[in-house]
C-alpha atoms as a PDB file:
ATOM      1  CA  MET A   1      12.290 -50.911  -7.372  1.00  0.00           C
ATOM      2  CA  GLY A   2       9.623 -51.995  -9.803  1.00  0.00           C
ATOM      3  CA  LEU A   3       8.652 -50.264 -13.048  1.00  0.00           C
ATOM      4  CA  ARG A   4       5.567 -48.752 -11.455  1.00  0.00           C
ATOM      5  CA  GLN A   5       7.572 -47.209  -8.578  1.00  0.00           C
ATOM      6  CA  CYS A   6      10.162 -45.920 -11.039  1.00  0.00           C
ATOM      7  CA  ILE A   7       7.465 -44.232 -13.155  1.00  0.00           C
ATOM      8  CA  MET A   8       5.872 -42.710 -10.030  1.00  0.00           C
ATOM      9  CA  SER A   9       9.249 -41.399  -8.838  1.00  0.00           C
ATOM     10  CA  VAL A  10       9.967 -39.802 -12.219  1.00  0.00           C
ATOM     11  CA  SER A  11       6.450 -38.283 -12.330  1.00  0.00           C
ATOM     12  CA  VAL A  12       6.818 -36.774  -8.859  1.00  0.00           C
ATOM     13  CA  ALA A  13      10.255 -35.397  -9.739  1.00  0.00           C
ATOM     14  CA  LEU A  14       8.903 -33.803 -12.941  1.00  0.00           C
ATOM     15  CA  CYS A  15       5.943 -32.258 -11.088  1.00  0.00           C
ATOM     16  CA  PHE A  16       8.261 -30.877  -8.402  1.00  0.00           C
ATOM     17  CA  THR A  17      10.604 -29.449 -11.046  1.00  0.00           C
ATOM     18  CA  GLY A  18       7.680 -27.732 -12.772  1.00  0.00           C
ATOM     19  CA  TRP A  19       6.365 -26.406  -9.442  1.00  0.00           C
ATOM     20  CA  ALA A  20       9.802 -25.107  -8.424  1.00  0.00           C
ATOM     21  CA  SER A  21      10.184 -23.351 -11.776  1.00  0.00           C
ATOM     22  CA  ALA A  22       6.726 -21.777 -11.432  1.00  0.00           C
ATOM     23  CA  GLN A  23       7.555 -20.645  -7.889  1.00  0.00           C
ATOM     24  CA  GLU A  24      10.775 -19.014  -9.108  1.00  0.00           C
ATOM     25  CA  ASP A  25       8.746 -17.090 -11.708  1.00  0.00           C
ATOM     26  CA  VAL A  26       6.195 -16.005  -9.083  1.00  0.00           C
ATOM     27  CA  SER A  27       8.988 -14.921  -6.752  1.00  0.00           C
ATOM     28  CA  ALA A  28      10.716 -12.945  -9.518  1.00  0.00           C
ATOM     29  CA  ARG A  29       7.449 -11.174 -10.450  1.00  0.00           C
ATOM     30  CA  GLN A  30       6.827 -10.323  -6.806  1.00  0.00           C
ATOM     31  CA  LEU A  31      10.325  -8.891  -6.307  1.00  0.00           C
ATOM     32  CA  GLU A  32      10.064  -6.920  -9.561  1.00  0.00           C
ATOM     33  CA  ALA A  33       6.724  -5.434  -8.478  1.00  0.00           C
ATOM     34  CA  MET A  34       8.061  -4.538  -5.036  1.00  0.00           C
ATOM     35  CA  ALA A  35      11.073  -2.821  -6.628  1.00  0.00           C
ATOM     36  CA  ARG A  36       8.609  -0.301  -8.125  1.00  0.00           C
ATOM     37  CA  LEU A  37       8.020   0.894  -4.548  1.00  0.00           C
ATOM     38  CA  ALA A  38      11.706   1.746  -3.991  1.00  0.00           C
ATOM     39  CA  PRO A  39      10.981   5.510  -4.027  1.00  0.00           C
ATOM     40  CA  LEU A  40       9.128   5.034  -0.713  1.00  0.00           C
ATOM     41  CA  ALA A  41      12.122   3.612   1.140  1.00  0.00           C
ATOM     42  CA  GLY A  42      14.016   5.929   3.454  1.00  0.00           C
ATOM     43  CA  ASP A  43      13.450   8.691   6.000  1.00  0.00           C
ATOM     44  CA  TRP A  44      11.056  11.524   5.188  1.00  0.00           C
ATOM     45  CA  VAL A  45       9.713  14.874   6.342  1.00  0.00           C
ATOM     46  CA  VAL A  46       5.994  14.990   5.591  1.00  0.00           C
ATOM     47  CA  THR A  47       4.128  18.237   4.947  1.00  0.00           C
ATOM     48  CA  GLY A  48       0.669  18.853   3.606  1.00  0.00           C
ATOM     49  CA  GLN A  49      -2.888  19.708   4.410  1.00  0.00           C
ATOM     50  CA  ILE A  50      -6.119  18.135   5.565  1.00  0.00           C
ATOM     51  CA  MET A  51      -9.460  19.158   4.159  1.00  0.00           C
ATOM     52  CA  GLY A  52     -12.083  20.135   6.688  1.00  0.00           C
ATOM     53  CA  PRO A  53     -15.384  21.983   6.885  1.00  0.00           C
ATOM     54  CA  ASP A  54     -13.502  25.291   6.773  1.00  0.00           C
ATOM     55  CA  GLY A  55     -11.354  24.269   3.801  1.00  0.00           C
ATOM     56  CA  ALA A  56      -7.719  23.189   3.709  1.00  0.00           C
ATOM     57  CA  GLN A  57      -5.836  23.267   7.006  1.00  0.00           C
ATOM     58  CA  PRO A  58      -2.030  22.963   6.907  1.00  0.00           C
ATOM     59  CA  LEU A  59      -0.466  20.057   8.772  1.00  0.00           C
ATOM     60  CA  GLU A  60       2.518  20.504  11.039  1.00  0.00           C
ATOM     61  CA  PRO A  61       5.587  18.786   9.552  1.00  0.00           C
ATOM     62  CA  GLY A  62       5.635  15.088  10.392  1.00  0.00           C
ATOM     63  CA  THR A  63       8.015  12.203   9.748  1.00  0.00           C
ATOM     64  CA  ALA A  64       7.913   8.859   7.986  1.00  0.00           C
ATOM     65  CA  GLN A  65      10.298   5.937   7.732  1.00  0.00           C
ATOM     66  CA  ALA A  66       9.921   3.122   5.223  1.00  0.00           C
ATOM     67  CA  ASP A  67      12.070   0.021   4.875  1.00  0.00           C
ATOM     68  CA  TYR A  68      11.866  -3.263   2.986  1.00  0.00           C
ATOM     69  CA  ALA A  69      10.879  -6.270   5.081  1.00  0.00           C
ATOM     70  CA  PHE A  70      10.183  -9.987   4.639  1.00  0.00           C
ATOM     71  CA  ASN A  71      13.106 -10.626   2.262  1.00  0.00           C
ATOM     72  CA  ASP A  72      12.153  -7.593   0.118  1.00  0.00           C
ATOM     73  CA  ARG A  73       8.618  -8.953  -0.379  1.00  0.00           C
ATOM     74  CA  GLY A  74       7.094  -6.215   1.760  1.00  0.00           C
ATOM     75  CA  LEU A  75       7.692  -2.561   2.489  1.00  0.00           C
ATOM     76  CA  GLU A  76       6.797  -1.266   5.929  1.00  0.00           C
ATOM     77  CA  GLU A  77       6.148   2.431   6.593  1.00  0.00           C
ATOM     78  CA  THR A  78       5.646   4.195   9.917  1.00  0.00           C
ATOM     79  CA  ALA A  79       4.372   7.759   9.605  1.00  0.00           C
ATOM     80  CA  ARG A  80       3.857  10.243  12.432  1.00  0.00           C
ATOM     81  CA  ILE A  81       1.537  13.036  11.357  1.00  0.00           C
ATOM     82  CA  ASP A  82       0.683  16.071  13.517  1.00  0.00           C
ATOM     83  CA  LEU A  83      -2.968  16.915  12.945  1.00  0.00           C
ATOM     84  CA  GLY A  84      -2.789  20.139  14.978  1.00  0.00           C
ATOM     85  CA  SER A  85      -5.673  20.338  17.440  1.00  0.00           C
ATOM     86  CA  ASP A  86      -6.492  16.661  16.804  1.00  0.00           C
ATOM     87  CA  GLY A  87      -3.003  15.699  18.013  1.00  0.00           C
ATOM     88  CA  LEU A  88      -0.282  13.402  16.739  1.00  0.00           C
ATOM     89  CA  THR A  89      -1.287  10.189  14.993  1.00  0.00           C
ATOM     90  CA  GLU A  90       0.876   7.242  13.985  1.00  0.00           C
ATOM     91  CA  LEU A  91       0.083   5.169  10.898  1.00  0.00           C
ATOM     92  CA  ARG A  92       1.659   1.846  10.019  1.00  0.00           C
ATOM     93  CA  THR A  93       1.385   0.630   6.451  1.00  0.00           C
ATOM     94  CA  LEU A  94       2.554  -2.674   5.018  1.00  0.00           C
ATOM     95  CA  PHE A  95       2.845  -2.686   1.216  1.00  0.00           C
ATOM     96  CA  SER A  96       2.852  -6.032  -0.582  1.00  0.00           C
ATOM     97  CA  TYR A  97       2.272  -7.467  -4.036  1.00  0.00           C
ATOM     98  CA  ASP A  98       0.150 -10.537  -4.760  1.00  0.00           C
ATOM     99  CA  PRO A  99       1.702 -12.132  -7.876  1.00  0.00           C
ATOM    100  CA  TYR A 100      -1.174 -14.628  -8.207  1.00  0.00           C
ATOM    101  CA  ARG A 101      -3.826 -11.916  -8.499  1.00  0.00           C
ATOM    102  CA  GLU A 102      -1.380  -9.318  -9.899  1.00  0.00           C
ATOM    103  CA  ILE A 103      -2.428  -6.652  -7.430  1.00  0.00           C
ATOM    104  CA  TYR A 104      -0.769  -4.490  -4.790  1.00  0.00           C
ATOM    105  CA  ARG A 105      -2.228  -4.835  -1.325  1.00  0.00           C
ATOM    106  CA  LEU A 106      -1.756  -2.434   1.579  1.00  0.00           C
ATOM    107  CA  SER A 107      -2.731  -2.939   5.187  1.00  0.00           C
ATOM    108  CA  VAL A 108      -2.978   0.274   7.198  1.00  0.00           C
ATOM    109  CA  MET A 109      -3.536   0.783  10.903  1.00  0.00           C
ATOM    110  CA  ASP A 110      -3.440   3.947  12.982  1.00  0.00           C
ATOM    111  CA  ASP A 111      -3.314   4.572  16.708  1.00  0.00           C
ATOM    112  CA  ALA A 112      -6.429   6.784  16.667  1.00  0.00           C
ATOM    113  CA  PHE A 113      -9.027   4.162  15.638  1.00  0.00           C
ATOM    114  CA  GLY A 114      -6.949   0.975  15.728  1.00  0.00           C
ATOM    115  CA  LEU A 115      -8.829  -0.533  12.794  1.00  0.00           C
ATOM    116  CA  LEU A 116      -6.891  -2.495  10.177  1.00  0.00           C
ATOM    117  CA  ASP A 117      -7.823  -1.151   6.744  1.00  0.00           C
ATOM    118  CA  ILE A 118      -7.115  -3.178   3.570  1.00  0.00           C
ATOM    119  CA  TYR A 119      -6.467  -1.469   0.215  1.00  0.00           C
ATOM    120  CA  GLU A 120      -5.935  -3.039  -3.204  1.00  0.00           C
ATOM    121  CA  GLY A 121      -4.918  -1.600  -6.551  1.00  0.00           C
ATOM    122  CA  ASP A 122      -2.183  -1.084  -9.112  1.00  0.00           C
ATOM    123  CA  PHE A 123      -0.173   1.549 -10.905  1.00  0.00           C
ATOM    124  CA  ASP A 124      -2.228   3.747 -13.239  1.00  0.00           C
ATOM    125  CA  ALA A 125      -1.190   5.092 -16.652  1.00  0.00           C
ATOM    126  CA  GLU A 126       0.393   8.129 -14.969  1.00  0.00           C
ATOM    127  CA  GLY A 127       2.749   5.980 -12.872  1.00  0.00           C
ATOM    128  CA  ARG A 128       0.872   6.411  -9.571  1.00  0.00           C
ATOM    129  CA  LEU A 129       0.012   3.566  -7.217  1.00  0.00           C
ATOM    130  CA  VAL A 130      -3.785   3.841  -6.730  1.00  0.00           C
ATOM    131  CA  THR A 131      -5.478   1.643  -4.132  1.00  0.00           C
ATOM    132  CA  THR A 132      -8.934   1.606  -2.535  1.00  0.00           C
ATOM    133  CA  ASN A 133     -10.652  -0.217   0.283  1.00  0.00           C
ATOM    134  CA  LEU A 134     -13.757  -0.823  -1.844  1.00  0.00           C
ATOM    135  CA  ARG A 135     -13.327  -4.567  -2.528  1.00  0.00           C
ATOM    136  CA  ALA A 136     -12.271  -5.385   1.032  1.00  0.00           C
ATOM    137  CA  ASP A 137     -15.038  -3.050   2.254  1.00  0.00           C
ATOM    138  CA  THR A 138     -13.002  -2.005   5.276  1.00  0.00           C
ATOM    139  CA  SER A 139     -15.057   1.181   5.361  1.00  0.00           C
ATOM    140  CA  TYR A 140     -15.962   3.478   8.226  1.00  0.00           C
ATOM    141  CA  PRO A 141     -19.613   3.827   9.229  1.00  0.00           C
ATOM    142  CA  ILE A 142     -21.073   7.306   8.876  1.00  0.00           C
ATOM    143  CA  GLU A 143     -24.600   8.551   9.308  1.00  0.00           C
ATOM    144  CA  GLY A 144     -26.567   7.129   6.407  1.00  0.00           C
ATOM    145  CA  GLY A 145     -23.818   4.976   4.927  1.00  0.00           C
ATOM    146  CA  GLN A 146     -20.171   4.029   4.715  1.00  0.00           C
ATOM    147  CA  LEU A 147     -17.011   6.040   4.078  1.00  0.00           C
ATOM    148  CA  HIS A 148     -14.423   4.444   1.744  1.00  0.00           C
ATOM    149  CA  PHE A 149     -10.937   5.712   0.954  1.00  0.00           C
ATOM    150  CA  LYS A 150      -8.637   5.832  -2.052  1.00  0.00           C
ATOM    151  CA  LEU A 151      -4.868   6.202  -1.571  1.00  0.00           C
ATOM    152  CA  ILE A 152      -2.676   7.658  -4.321  1.00  0.00           C
ATOM    153  CA  HIS A 153       1.114   7.380  -4.066  1.00  0.00           C
ATOM    154  CA  ASP A 154       2.724   9.497  -6.792  1.00  0.00           C
ATOM    155  CA  PHE A 155       6.390   8.667  -7.415  1.00  0.00           C
ATOM    156  CA  THR A 156       6.695  10.719 -10.617  1.00  0.00           C
ATOM    157  CA  ALA A 157       8.263  13.819  -8.997  1.00  0.00           C
ATOM    158  CA  SER A 158      12.033  14.174  -9.213  1.00  0.00           C
ATOM    159  CA  GLU A 159      12.275  15.212  -5.539  1.00  0.00           C
ATOM    160  CA  GLY A 160      10.396  13.085  -3.013  1.00  0.00           C
ATOM    161  CA  HIS A 161       6.876  11.862  -3.662  1.00  0.00           C
ATOM    162  CA  ASP A 162       3.280  12.894  -3.095  1.00  0.00           C
ATOM    163  CA  PHE A 163       0.540  11.083  -1.223  1.00  0.00           C
ATOM    164  CA  GLU A 164      -3.171  11.810  -1.350  1.00  0.00           C
ATOM    165  CA  VAL A 165      -6.110  10.333   0.515  1.00  0.00           C
ATOM    166  CA  HIS A 166      -9.542  10.703  -1.091  1.00  0.00           C
ATOM    167  CA  MET A 167     -12.851   9.719   0.496  1.00  0.00           C
ATOM    168  CA  SER A 168     -16.164   8.554  -0.912  1.00  0.00           C
ATOM    169  CA  ALA A 169     -19.560   8.311   0.741  1.00  0.00           C
ATOM    170  CA  ASP A 170     -21.200   6.763  -2.351  1.00  0.00           C
ATOM    171  CA  GLY A 171     -19.301   3.509  -2.809  1.00  0.00           C
ATOM    172  CA  GLY A 172     -16.577   5.015  -5.014  1.00  0.00           C
ATOM    173  CA  GLU A 173     -18.802   6.737  -7.576  1.00  0.00           C
ATOM    174  CA  SER A 174     -17.269  10.080  -6.613  1.00  0.00           C
ATOM    175  CA  TRP A 175     -14.194  11.002  -4.574  1.00  0.00           C
ATOM    176  CA  MET A 176     -13.265  14.077  -2.517  1.00  0.00           C
ATOM    177  CA  LEU A 177      -9.710  14.996  -1.459  1.00  0.00           C
ATOM    178  CA  TYR A 178      -9.208  14.454   2.279  1.00  0.00           C
ATOM    179  CA  PHE A 179      -5.390  14.611   2.781  1.00  0.00           C
ATOM    180  CA  ASP A 180      -2.723  16.001   0.490  1.00  0.00           C
ATOM    181  CA  GLN A 181       0.867  15.317   1.571  1.00  0.00           C
ATOM    182  CA  HIS A 182       4.380  15.731   0.203  1.00  0.00           C
ATOM    183  CA  TYR A 183       7.309  13.570   1.290  1.00  0.00           C
ATOM    184  CA  ALA A 184      10.767  15.210   1.162  1.00  0.00           C
ATOM    185  CA  ARG A 185      13.965  13.363   2.071  1.00  0.00           C
ATOM    186  CA  ALA A 186      14.972  13.971   5.701  1.00  0.00           C
ATOM    187  CA  GLY A 187      18.409  15.307   6.468  1.00  0.00           C
END
């Protein structure tokens, strides 16, 4: 092996070592961020209310199950919510953390509309995970515009956690409460 090949081999080895070290750091940051979602894991009874034209309407108790997936780099939740006269709906949410952009990303799909909705955000100063679908613009068309949503997962309670869905018809300039739910441990 000539000097040139030896130098190239050493250079490649050093680059790979640096890349592997950077990947370990990225992986550690991702796992640390996902650990902040640990309060979501488990089996839940979901109660709450939905806001409608006649004000708040109580929801029948529903269920939710959330478990870590993808080597703890994702958290998958399946929720079954009884909307009363509108029937039972199932929502599937995949929570993830993008360590390169330092942002949480959620993908949500329900069996009523079947549209995949993408939310992005982070924890706020109060310790709540706040995400919106504004940047991804996975909005719902309404007469005269688009309807966007903001999801707030509040893990600050000592028993269970709270979940709110807010909606905006003005591109996020103002928000109105749409769903208000409480998760209590099942069993």
